[in-house]
Amino acid sequence: ECAAAVVEKNPNVFADLSGLLEGRIDLAQYLKDYAGYVFLLKTWLAAINCWDKLMYGTDWPIVNLGEYIDFIKEVIPQEHWDKVFFDNANRIYRLGL
């Protein structure tokens, strides 16, 4: 909640979506067991509506990359995937890709 507010209120603050999971997961079971957490995460992300300030990130190697990508796809609306998975980092870090 606090981090979301900081991102929303400060034009020079961006966030990566790393550190949300740890280890291997069965995504379907995780979404069921932690439905409240996932709901709150999705709610805060939607509330700040800063899709241009969020970037995909992981804590590899402590997460499985495929599972983490699938998890992020669950919490980010599909219409914002390009921004979160590539465009924002490309712009913020001035990669020129």
PDB file of N, CA and C in Angstrom:
ATOM      1  N   GLU A   1       0.834  -1.192   0.000  1.00  0.00           N
ATOM      2  CA  GLU A   1       0.000   0.000   0.000  1.00  0.00           C
ATOM      3  C   GLU A   1       0.873   1.248   0.000  1.00  0.00           C
ATOM      4  N   CYS A   2       1.836   1.339   0.890  1.00  0.00           N
ATOM      5  CA  CYS A   2       2.694   2.524   0.971  1.00  0.00           C
ATOM      6  C   CYS A   2       3.545   2.679  -0.281  1.00  0.00           C
ATOM      7  N   ALA A   3       4.119   1.589  -0.758  1.00  0.00           N
ATOM      8  CA  ALA A   3       4.947   1.662  -1.965  1.00  0.00           C
ATOM      9  C   ALA A   3       4.108   2.109  -3.154  1.00  0.00           C
ATOM     10  N   ALA A   4       2.883   1.631  -3.250  1.00  0.00           N
ATOM     11  CA  ALA A   4       2.003   2.029  -4.342  1.00  0.00           C
ATOM     12  C   ALA A   4       1.741   3.531  -4.292  1.00  0.00           C
ATOM     13  N   ALA A   5       1.522   4.064  -3.114  1.00  0.00           N
ATOM     14  CA  ALA A   5       1.277   5.496  -2.970  1.00  0.00           C
ATOM     15  C   ALA A   5       2.509   6.307  -3.352  1.00  0.00           C
ATOM     16  N   VAL A   6       3.685   5.827  -3.005  1.00  0.00           N
ATOM     17  CA  VAL A   6       4.926   6.529  -3.357  1.00  0.00           C
ATOM     18  C   VAL A   6       5.089   6.561  -4.876  1.00  0.00           C
ATOM     19  N   VAL A   7       4.834   5.445  -5.535  1.00  0.00           N
ATOM     20  CA  VAL A   7       4.928   5.386  -7.000  1.00  0.00           C
ATOM     21  C   VAL A   7       3.924   6.345  -7.622  1.00  0.00           C
ATOM     22  N   GLU A   8       2.724   6.332  -7.119  1.00  0.00           N
ATOM     23  CA  GLU A   8       1.658   7.159  -7.691  1.00  0.00           C
ATOM     24  C   GLU A   8       1.941   8.655  -7.532  1.00  0.00           C
ATOM     25  N   LYS A   9       2.449   9.065  -6.405  1.00  0.00           N
ATOM     26  CA  LYS A   9       2.568  10.491  -6.091  1.00  0.00           C
ATOM     27  C   LYS A   9       3.867  11.142  -6.523  1.00  0.00           C
ATOM     28  N   ASN A  10       4.842  10.358  -6.955  1.00  0.00           N
ATOM     29  CA  ASN A  10       6.153  10.900  -7.303  1.00  0.00           C
ATOM     30  C   ASN A  10       6.509  10.566  -8.742  1.00  0.00           C
ATOM     31  N   PRO A  11       6.585  11.576  -9.595  1.00  0.00           N
ATOM     32  CA  PRO A  11       6.839  11.298 -11.013  1.00  0.00           C
ATOM     33  C   PRO A  11       8.187  10.641 -11.300  1.00  0.00           C
ATOM     34  N   ASN A  12       9.127  10.745 -10.383  1.00  0.00           N
ATOM     35  CA  ASN A  12      10.450  10.161 -10.601  1.00  0.00           C
ATOM     36  C   ASN A  12      10.634   8.811  -9.919  1.00  0.00           C
ATOM     37  N   VAL A  13       9.556   8.200  -9.443  1.00  0.00           N
ATOM     38  CA  VAL A  13       9.629   6.914  -8.753  1.00  0.00           C
ATOM     39  C   VAL A  13       8.953   5.844  -9.601  1.00  0.00           C
ATOM     40  N   PHE A  14       9.678   4.727  -9.773  1.00  0.00           N
ATOM     41  CA  PHE A  14       9.183   3.594 -10.541  1.00  0.00           C
ATOM     42  C   PHE A  14       9.317   2.355  -9.670  1.00  0.00           C
ATOM     43  N   ALA A  15       8.675   1.264 -10.040  1.00  0.00           N
ATOM     44  CA  ALA A  15       8.747   0.048  -9.227  1.00  0.00           C
ATOM     45  C   ALA A  15       8.921  -1.170 -10.110  1.00  0.00           C
ATOM     46  N   ASP A  16       9.763  -2.097  -9.631  1.00  0.00           N
ATOM     47  CA  ASP A  16       9.804  -3.391 -10.309  1.00  0.00           C
ATOM     48  C   ASP A  16       8.991  -4.372  -9.473  1.00  0.00           C
ATOM     49  N   LEU A  17       8.495  -5.358 -10.144  1.00  0.00           N
ATOM     50  CA  LEU A  17       7.611  -6.332  -9.499  1.00  0.00           C
ATOM     51  C   LEU A  17       8.386  -7.578  -9.108  1.00  0.00           C
ATOM     52  N   SER A  18       9.495  -7.392  -8.436  1.00  0.00           N
ATOM     53  CA  SER A  18      10.292  -8.526  -7.971  1.00  0.00           C
ATOM     54  C   SER A  18       9.977  -8.809  -6.509  1.00  0.00           C
ATOM     55  N   GLY A  19      10.362  -9.980  -6.077  1.00  0.00           N
ATOM     56  CA  GLY A  19      10.236 -10.331  -4.663  1.00  0.00           C
ATOM     57  C   GLY A  19       8.839 -10.660  -4.203  1.00  0.00           C
ATOM     58  N   LEU A  20       7.930 -10.940  -5.113  1.00  0.00           N
ATOM     59  CA  LEU A  20       6.553 -11.235  -4.718  1.00  0.00           C
ATOM     60  C   LEU A  20       6.332 -12.717  -4.437  1.00  0.00           C
ATOM     61  N   LEU A  21       7.216 -13.557  -4.935  1.00  0.00           N
ATOM     62  CA  LEU A  21       7.148 -15.001  -4.708  1.00  0.00           C
ATOM     63  C   LEU A  21       8.522 -15.501  -4.302  1.00  0.00           C
ATOM     64  N   GLU A  22       8.543 -16.712  -3.790  1.00  0.00           N
ATOM     65  CA  GLU A  22       9.812 -17.355  -3.456  1.00  0.00           C
ATOM     66  C   GLU A  22       9.695 -18.844  -3.733  1.00  0.00           C
ATOM     67  N   GLY A  23      10.707 -19.397  -4.374  1.00  0.00           N
ATOM     68  CA  GLY A  23      10.725 -20.836  -4.638  1.00  0.00           C
ATOM     69  C   GLY A  23       9.794 -21.239  -5.761  1.00  0.00           C
ATOM     70  N   ARG A  24       9.628 -22.554  -5.907  1.00  0.00           N
ATOM     71  CA  ARG A  24       8.732 -23.117  -6.922  1.00  0.00           C
ATOM     72  C   ARG A  24       7.307 -23.065  -6.403  1.00  0.00           C
ATOM     73  N   ILE A  25       6.367 -22.857  -7.308  1.00  0.00           N
ATOM     74  CA  ILE A  25       4.953 -22.821  -6.913  1.00  0.00           C
ATOM     75  C   ILE A  25       4.110 -23.572  -7.924  1.00  0.00           C
ATOM     76  N   ASP A  26       2.988 -24.059  -7.454  1.00  0.00           N
ATOM     77  CA  ASP A  26       1.909 -24.520  -8.314  1.00  0.00           C
ATOM     78  C   ASP A  26       0.994 -23.300  -8.400  1.00  0.00           C
ATOM     79  N   LEU A  27       1.023 -22.596  -9.538  1.00  0.00           N
ATOM     80  CA  LEU A  27       0.343 -21.311  -9.641  1.00  0.00           C
ATOM     81  C   LEU A  27      -1.143 -21.398  -9.326  1.00  0.00           C
ATOM     82  N   ALA A  28      -1.828 -22.401  -9.849  1.00  0.00           N
ATOM     83  CA  ALA A  28      -3.264 -22.526  -9.591  1.00  0.00           C
ATOM     84  C   ALA A  28      -3.532 -22.664  -8.089  1.00  0.00           C
ATOM     85  N   GLN A  29      -2.736 -23.482  -7.415  1.00  0.00           N
ATOM     86  CA  GLN A  29      -2.910 -23.670  -5.976  1.00  0.00           C
ATOM     87  C   GLN A  29      -2.536 -22.398  -5.215  1.00  0.00           C
ATOM     88  N   TYR A  30      -1.467 -21.750  -5.641  1.00  0.00           N
ATOM     89  CA  TYR A  30      -1.037 -20.514  -4.987  1.00  0.00           C
ATOM     90  C   TYR A  30      -2.133 -19.450  -5.084  1.00  0.00           C
ATOM     91  N   LEU A  31      -2.709 -19.294  -6.271  1.00  0.00           N
ATOM     92  CA  LEU A  31      -3.764 -18.302  -6.462  1.00  0.00           C
ATOM     93  C   LEU A  31      -4.976 -18.606  -5.594  1.00  0.00           C
ATOM     94  N   LYS A  32      -5.215 -19.871  -5.362  1.00  0.00           N
ATOM     95  CA  LYS A  32      -6.322 -20.286  -4.496  1.00  0.00           C
ATOM     96  C   LYS A  32      -5.980 -20.030  -3.026  1.00  0.00           C
ATOM     97  N   ASP A  33      -4.796 -20.468  -2.597  1.00  0.00           N
ATOM     98  CA  ASP A  33      -4.397 -20.347  -1.195  1.00  0.00           C
ATOM     99  C   ASP A  33      -4.171 -18.901  -0.761  1.00  0.00           C
ATOM    100  N   TYR A  34      -3.690 -18.084  -1.689  1.00  0.00           N
ATOM    101  CA  TYR A  34      -3.353 -16.694  -1.366  1.00  0.00           C
ATOM    102  C   TYR A  34      -4.231 -15.714  -2.134  1.00  0.00           C
ATOM    103  N   ALA A  35      -5.485 -16.074  -2.326  1.00  0.00           N
ATOM    104  CA  ALA A  35      -6.420 -15.251  -3.095  1.00  0.00           C
ATOM    105  C   ALA A  35      -6.546 -13.848  -2.503  1.00  0.00           C
ATOM    106  N   GLY A  36      -6.518 -13.728  -1.196  1.00  0.00           N
ATOM    107  CA  GLY A  36      -6.627 -12.415  -0.557  1.00  0.00           C
ATOM    108  C   GLY A  36      -5.453 -11.528  -0.893  1.00  0.00           C
ATOM    109  N   TYR A  37      -4.255 -12.084  -0.806  1.00  0.00           N
ATOM    110  CA  TYR A  37      -3.026 -11.348  -1.142  1.00  0.00           C
ATOM    111  C   TYR A  37      -3.046 -10.921  -2.603  1.00  0.00           C
ATOM    112  N   VAL A  38      -3.382 -11.834  -3.485  1.00  0.00           N
ATOM    113  CA  VAL A  38      -3.411 -11.542  -4.912  1.00  0.00           C
ATOM    114  C   VAL A  38      -4.456 -10.469  -5.209  1.00  0.00           C
ATOM    115  N   PHE A  39      -5.604 -10.569  -4.556  1.00  0.00           N
ATOM    116  CA  PHE A  39      -6.665  -9.566  -4.737  1.00  0.00           C
ATOM    117  C   PHE A  39      -6.178  -8.181  -4.305  1.00  0.00           C
ATOM    118  N   LEU A  40      -5.535  -8.098  -3.146  1.00  0.00           N
ATOM    119  CA  LEU A  40      -5.028  -6.807  -2.670  1.00  0.00           C
ATOM    120  C   LEU A  40      -3.957  -6.246  -3.604  1.00  0.00           C
ATOM    121  N   LEU A  41      -3.060  -7.095  -4.068  1.00  0.00           N
ATOM    122  CA  LEU A  41      -2.023  -6.652  -4.989  1.00  0.00           C
ATOM    123  C   LEU A  41      -2.646  -6.091  -6.264  1.00  0.00           C
ATOM    124  N   LYS A  42      -3.586  -6.823  -6.836  1.00  0.00           N
ATOM    125  CA  LYS A  42      -4.251  -6.365  -8.050  1.00  0.00           C
ATOM    126  C   LYS A  42      -5.023  -5.075  -7.798  1.00  0.00           C
ATOM    127  N   THR A  43      -5.648  -4.975  -6.640  1.00  0.00           N
ATOM    128  CA  THR A  43      -6.429  -3.784  -6.287  1.00  0.00           C
ATOM    129  C   THR A  43      -5.532  -2.553  -6.193  1.00  0.00           C
ATOM    130  N   TRP A  44      -4.397  -2.663  -5.496  1.00  0.00           N
ATOM    131  CA  TRP A  44      -3.488  -1.527  -5.361  1.00  0.00           C
ATOM    132  C   TRP A  44      -2.883  -1.131  -6.697  1.00  0.00           C
ATOM    133  N   LEU A  45      -2.523  -2.106  -7.504  1.00  0.00           N
ATOM    134  CA  LEU A  45      -1.967  -1.787  -8.817  1.00  0.00           C
ATOM    135  C   LEU A  45      -2.995  -1.071  -9.686  1.00  0.00           C
ATOM    136  N   ALA A  46      -4.225  -1.529  -9.639  1.00  0.00           N
ATOM    137  CA  ALA A  46      -5.286  -0.872 -10.408  1.00  0.00           C
ATOM    138  C   ALA A  46      -5.598   0.510  -9.838  1.00  0.00           C
ATOM    139  N   ALA A  47      -5.572   0.638  -8.529  1.00  0.00           N
ATOM    140  CA  ALA A  47      -5.904   1.910  -7.888  1.00  0.00           C
ATOM    141  C   ALA A  47      -4.926   3.022  -8.253  1.00  0.00           C
ATOM    142  N   ILE A  48      -3.630   2.690  -8.306  1.00  0.00           N
ATOM    143  CA  ILE A  48      -2.663   3.743  -8.633  1.00  0.00           C
ATOM    144  C   ILE A  48      -2.634   4.022 -10.134  1.00  0.00           C
ATOM    145  N   ASN A  49      -3.047   3.035 -10.934  1.00  0.00           N
ATOM    146  CA  ASN A  49      -3.163   3.201 -12.383  1.00  0.00           C
ATOM    147  C   ASN A  49      -1.886   3.787 -12.987  1.00  0.00           C
ATOM    148  N   CYS A  50      -0.760   3.226 -12.617  1.00  0.00           N
ATOM    149  CA  CYS A  50       0.552   3.698 -13.091  1.00  0.00           C
ATOM    150  C   CYS A  50       1.250   2.615 -13.893  1.00  0.00           C
ATOM    151  N   TRP A  51       0.577   2.074 -14.872  1.00  0.00           N
ATOM    152  CA  TRP A  51       1.115   0.959 -15.639  1.00  0.00           C
ATOM    153  C   TRP A  51       2.399   1.340 -16.370  1.00  0.00           C
ATOM    154  N   ASP A  52       2.613   2.629 -16.591  1.00  0.00           N
ATOM    155  CA  ASP A  52       3.825   3.091 -17.264  1.00  0.00           C
ATOM    156  C   ASP A  52       4.995   3.259 -16.291  1.00  0.00           C
ATOM    157  N   LYS A  53       4.784   2.922 -15.002  1.00  0.00           N
ATOM    158  CA  LYS A  53       5.836   3.054 -13.995  1.00  0.00           C
ATOM    159  C   LYS A  53       6.197   1.724 -13.343  1.00  0.00           C
ATOM    160  N   LEU A  54       5.639   0.635 -13.862  1.00  0.00           N
ATOM    161  CA  LEU A  54       5.881  -0.699 -13.306  1.00  0.00           C
ATOM    162  C   LEU A  54       6.706  -1.524 -14.273  1.00  0.00           C
ATOM    163  N   MET A  55       7.645  -2.298 -13.719  1.00  0.00           N
ATOM    164  CA  MET A  55       8.502  -3.140 -14.545  1.00  0.00           C
ATOM    165  C   MET A  55       8.544  -4.557 -13.988  1.00  0.00           C
ATOM    166  N   TYR A  56       8.576  -5.504 -14.879  1.00  0.00           N
ATOM    167  CA  TYR A  56       8.797  -6.894 -14.498  1.00  0.00           C
ATOM    168  C   TYR A  56      10.182  -7.028 -13.878  1.00  0.00           C
ATOM    169  N   GLY A  57      10.266  -7.796 -12.832  1.00  0.00           N
ATOM    170  CA  GLY A  57      11.538  -8.110 -12.209  1.00  0.00           C
ATOM    171  C   GLY A  57      11.372  -9.378 -11.396  1.00  0.00           C
ATOM    172  N   THR A  58      12.459 -10.077 -11.145  1.00  0.00           N
ATOM    173  CA  THR A  58      12.393 -11.297 -10.337  1.00  0.00           C
ATOM    174  C   THR A  58      13.496 -11.263  -9.294  1.00  0.00           C
ATOM    175  N   ASP A  59      13.500 -12.248  -8.487  1.00  0.00           N
ATOM    176  CA  ASP A  59      14.606 -12.478  -7.568  1.00  0.00           C
ATOM    177  C   ASP A  59      15.298 -13.776  -7.953  1.00  0.00           C
ATOM    178  N   TRP A  60      15.449 -13.976  -9.260  1.00  0.00           N
ATOM    179  CA  TRP A  60      16.140 -15.161  -9.742  1.00  0.00           C
ATOM    180  C   TRP A  60      17.513 -15.207  -9.080  1.00  0.00           C
ATOM    181  N   PRO A  61      17.952 -16.310  -8.601  1.00  0.00           N
ATOM    182  CA  PRO A  61      17.511 -17.673  -8.865  1.00  0.00           C
ATOM    183  C   PRO A  61      16.572 -18.258  -7.803  1.00  0.00           C
ATOM    184  N   ILE A  62      16.042 -17.429  -6.908  1.00  0.00           N
ATOM    185  CA  ILE A  62      15.173 -18.014  -5.876  1.00  0.00           C
ATOM    186  C   ILE A  62      13.736 -18.198  -6.341  1.00  0.00           C
ATOM    187  N   VAL A  63      13.449 -17.832  -7.594  1.00  0.00           N
ATOM    188  CA  VAL A  63      12.148 -18.110  -8.190  1.00  0.00           C
ATOM    189  C   VAL A  63      12.366 -18.777  -9.536  1.00  0.00           C
ATOM    190  N   ASN A  64      11.367 -19.501  -9.979  1.00  0.00           N
ATOM    191  CA  ASN A  64      11.371 -20.092 -11.304  1.00  0.00           C
ATOM    192  C   ASN A  64      10.862 -19.026 -12.272  1.00  0.00           C
ATOM    193  N   LEU A  65      11.629 -18.689 -13.294  1.00  0.00           N
ATOM    194  CA  LEU A  65      11.264 -17.588 -14.186  1.00  0.00           C
ATOM    195  C   LEU A  65       9.924 -17.801 -14.883  1.00  0.00           C
ATOM    196  N   GLY A  66       9.678 -19.000 -15.375  1.00  0.00           N
ATOM    197  CA  GLY A  66       8.406 -19.273 -16.046  1.00  0.00           C
ATOM    198  C   GLY A  66       7.225 -19.096 -15.121  1.00  0.00           C
ATOM    199  N   GLU A  67       7.344 -19.623 -13.904  1.00  0.00           N
ATOM    200  CA  GLU A  67       6.260 -19.489 -12.929  1.00  0.00           C
ATOM    201  C   GLU A  67       6.059 -18.026 -12.542  1.00  0.00           C
ATOM    202  N   TYR A  68       7.163 -17.287 -12.424  1.00  0.00           N
ATOM    203  CA  TYR A  68       7.052 -15.882 -12.031  1.00  0.00           C
ATOM    204  C   TYR A  68       6.402 -15.051 -13.125  1.00  0.00           C
ATOM    205  N   ILE A  69       6.770 -15.317 -14.368  1.00  0.00           N
ATOM    206  CA  ILE A  69       6.127 -14.621 -15.486  1.00  0.00           C
ATOM    207  C   ILE A  69       4.629 -14.904 -15.481  1.00  0.00           C
ATOM    208  N   ASP A  70       4.249 -16.159 -15.287  1.00  0.00           N
ATOM    209  CA  ASP A  70       2.829 -16.509 -15.246  1.00  0.00           C
ATOM    210  C   ASP A  70       2.116 -15.806 -14.088  1.00  0.00           C
ATOM    211  N   PHE A  71       2.785 -15.673 -12.945  1.00  0.00           N
ATOM    212  CA  PHE A  71       2.193 -14.969 -11.810  1.00  0.00           C
ATOM    213  C   PHE A  71       1.982 -13.490 -12.142  1.00  0.00           C
ATOM    214  N   ILE A  72       2.971 -12.854 -12.717  1.00  0.00           N
ATOM    215  CA  ILE A  72       2.840 -11.440 -13.073  1.00  0.00           C
ATOM    216  C   ILE A  72       1.707 -11.257 -14.085  1.00  0.00           C
ATOM    217  N   LYS A  73       1.571 -12.191 -15.005  1.00  0.00           N
ATOM    218  CA  LYS A  73       0.461 -12.126 -15.961  1.00  0.00           C
ATOM    219  C   LYS A  73      -0.887 -12.231 -15.275  1.00  0.00           C
ATOM    220  N   GLU A  74      -0.923 -12.861 -14.111  1.00  0.00           N
ATOM    221  CA  GLU A  74      -2.170 -12.950 -13.340  1.00  0.00           C
ATOM    222  C   GLU A  74      -2.521 -11.623 -12.659  1.00  0.00           C
ATOM    223  N   VAL A  75      -1.523 -10.856 -12.273  1.00  0.00           N
ATOM    224  CA  VAL A  75      -1.806  -9.626 -11.519  1.00  0.00           C
ATOM    225  C   VAL A  75      -1.817  -8.365 -12.385  1.00  0.00           C
ATOM    226  N   ILE A  76      -1.264  -8.451 -13.584  1.00  0.00           N
ATOM    227  CA  ILE A  76      -1.246  -7.307 -14.495  1.00  0.00           C
ATOM    228  C   ILE A  76      -2.249  -7.565 -15.615  1.00  0.00           C
ATOM    229  N   PRO A  77      -3.159  -6.633 -15.871  1.00  0.00           N
ATOM    230  CA  PRO A  77      -4.092  -6.820 -16.991  1.00  0.00           C
ATOM    231  C   PRO A  77      -3.331  -6.968 -18.316  1.00  0.00           C
ATOM    232  N   GLN A  78      -3.830  -7.829 -19.162  1.00  0.00           N
ATOM    233  CA  GLN A  78      -3.139  -8.172 -20.411  1.00  0.00           C
ATOM    234  C   GLN A  78      -2.810  -6.953 -21.260  1.00  0.00           C
ATOM    235  N   GLU A  79      -3.672  -5.955 -21.258  1.00  0.00           N
ATOM    236  CA  GLU A  79      -3.409  -4.781 -22.093  1.00  0.00           C
ATOM    237  C   GLU A  79      -2.172  -3.986 -21.651  1.00  0.00           C
ATOM    238  N   HIS A  80      -1.631  -4.300 -20.477  1.00  0.00           N
ATOM    239  CA  HIS A  80      -0.440  -3.611 -19.966  1.00  0.00           C
ATOM    240  C   HIS A  80       0.806  -4.498 -19.969  1.00  0.00           C
ATOM    241  N   TRP A  81       0.718  -5.710 -20.467  1.00  0.00           N
ATOM    242  CA  TRP A  81       1.858  -6.631 -20.455  1.00  0.00           C
ATOM    243  C   TRP A  81       3.062  -6.069 -21.205  1.00  0.00           C
ATOM    244  N   ASP A  82       2.854  -5.508 -22.383  1.00  0.00           N
ATOM    245  CA  ASP A  82       3.985  -4.990 -23.151  1.00  0.00           C
ATOM    246  C   ASP A  82       4.729  -3.920 -22.366  1.00  0.00           C
ATOM    247  N   LYS A  83       3.994  -3.033 -21.710  1.00  0.00           N
ATOM    248  CA  LYS A  83       4.619  -1.988 -20.902  1.00  0.00           C
ATOM    249  C   LYS A  83       5.427  -2.602 -19.763  1.00  0.00           C
ATOM    250  N   VAL A  84       4.792  -3.478 -18.999  1.00  0.00           N
ATOM    251  CA  VAL A  84       5.414  -4.026 -17.786  1.00  0.00           C
ATOM    252  C   VAL A  84       6.571  -4.958 -18.107  1.00  0.00           C
ATOM    253  N   PHE A  85       6.443  -5.768 -19.139  1.00  0.00           N
ATOM    254  CA  PHE A  85       7.480  -6.743 -19.464  1.00  0.00           C
ATOM    255  C   PHE A  85       8.623  -6.185 -20.307  1.00  0.00           C
ATOM    256  N   PHE A  86       8.430  -5.035 -20.973  1.00  0.00           N
ATOM    257  CA  PHE A  86       9.513  -4.526 -21.815  1.00  0.00           C
ATOM    258  C   PHE A  86       9.557  -3.010 -21.942  1.00  0.00           C
ATOM    259  N   ASP A  87       8.477  -2.411 -22.411  1.00  0.00           N
ATOM    260  CA  ASP A  87       8.497  -1.003 -22.803  1.00  0.00           C
ATOM    261  C   ASP A  87       8.955  -0.066 -21.687  1.00  0.00           C
ATOM    262  N   ASN A  88       8.460  -0.273 -20.480  1.00  0.00           N
ATOM    263  CA  ASN A  88       8.806   0.639 -19.387  1.00  0.00           C
ATOM    264  C   ASN A  88      10.299   0.597 -19.064  1.00  0.00           C
ATOM    265  N   ALA A  89      10.855  -0.587 -18.943  1.00  0.00           N
ATOM    266  CA  ALA A  89      12.293  -0.701 -18.652  1.00  0.00           C
ATOM    267  C   ALA A  89      13.110  -0.117 -19.799  1.00  0.00           C
ATOM    268  N   ASN A  90      12.690  -0.372 -21.018  1.00  0.00           N
ATOM    269  CA  ASN A  90      13.392   0.161 -22.176  1.00  0.00           C
ATOM    270  C   ASN A  90      13.410   1.690 -22.125  1.00  0.00           C
ATOM    271  N   ARG A  91      12.287   2.294 -21.744  1.00  0.00           N
ATOM    272  CA  ARG A  91      12.193   3.748 -21.659  1.00  0.00           C
ATOM    273  C   ARG A  91      12.926   4.297 -20.428  1.00  0.00           C
ATOM    274  N   ILE A  92      12.673   3.722 -19.276  1.00  0.00           N
ATOM    275  CA  ILE A  92      13.231   4.235 -18.016  1.00  0.00           C
ATOM    276  C   ILE A  92      14.749   4.142 -18.007  1.00  0.00           C
ATOM    277  N   TYR A  93      15.287   3.022 -18.483  1.00  0.00           N
ATOM    278  CA  TYR A  93      16.732   2.832 -18.487  1.00  0.00           C
ATOM    279  C   TYR A  93      17.394   3.309 -19.776  1.00  0.00           C
ATOM    280  N   ARG A  94      16.578   3.899 -20.675  1.00  0.00           N
ATOM    281  CA  ARG A  94      17.069   4.445 -21.942  1.00  0.00           C
ATOM    282  C   ARG A  94      17.920   3.423 -22.709  1.00  0.00           C
ATOM    283  N   LEU A  95      17.363   2.243 -22.862  1.00  0.00           N
ATOM    284  CA  LEU A  95      18.087   1.163 -23.530  1.00  0.00           C
ATOM    285  C   LEU A  95      18.101   1.309 -25.041  1.00  0.00           C
ATOM    286  N   GLY A  96      17.094   1.962 -25.578  1.00  0.00           N
ATOM    287  CA  GLY A  96      17.047   2.172 -27.025  1.00  0.00           C
ATOM    288  C   GLY A  96      16.800   0.912 -27.819  1.00  0.00           C
ATOM    289  N   LEU A  97      16.117  -0.052 -27.241  1.00  0.00           N
ATOM    290  CA  LEU A  97      15.850  -1.311 -27.936  1.00  0.00           C
ATOM    291  C   LEU A  97      14.539  -1.256 -28.700  1.00  0.00           C
TER     292      LEU A  97
END
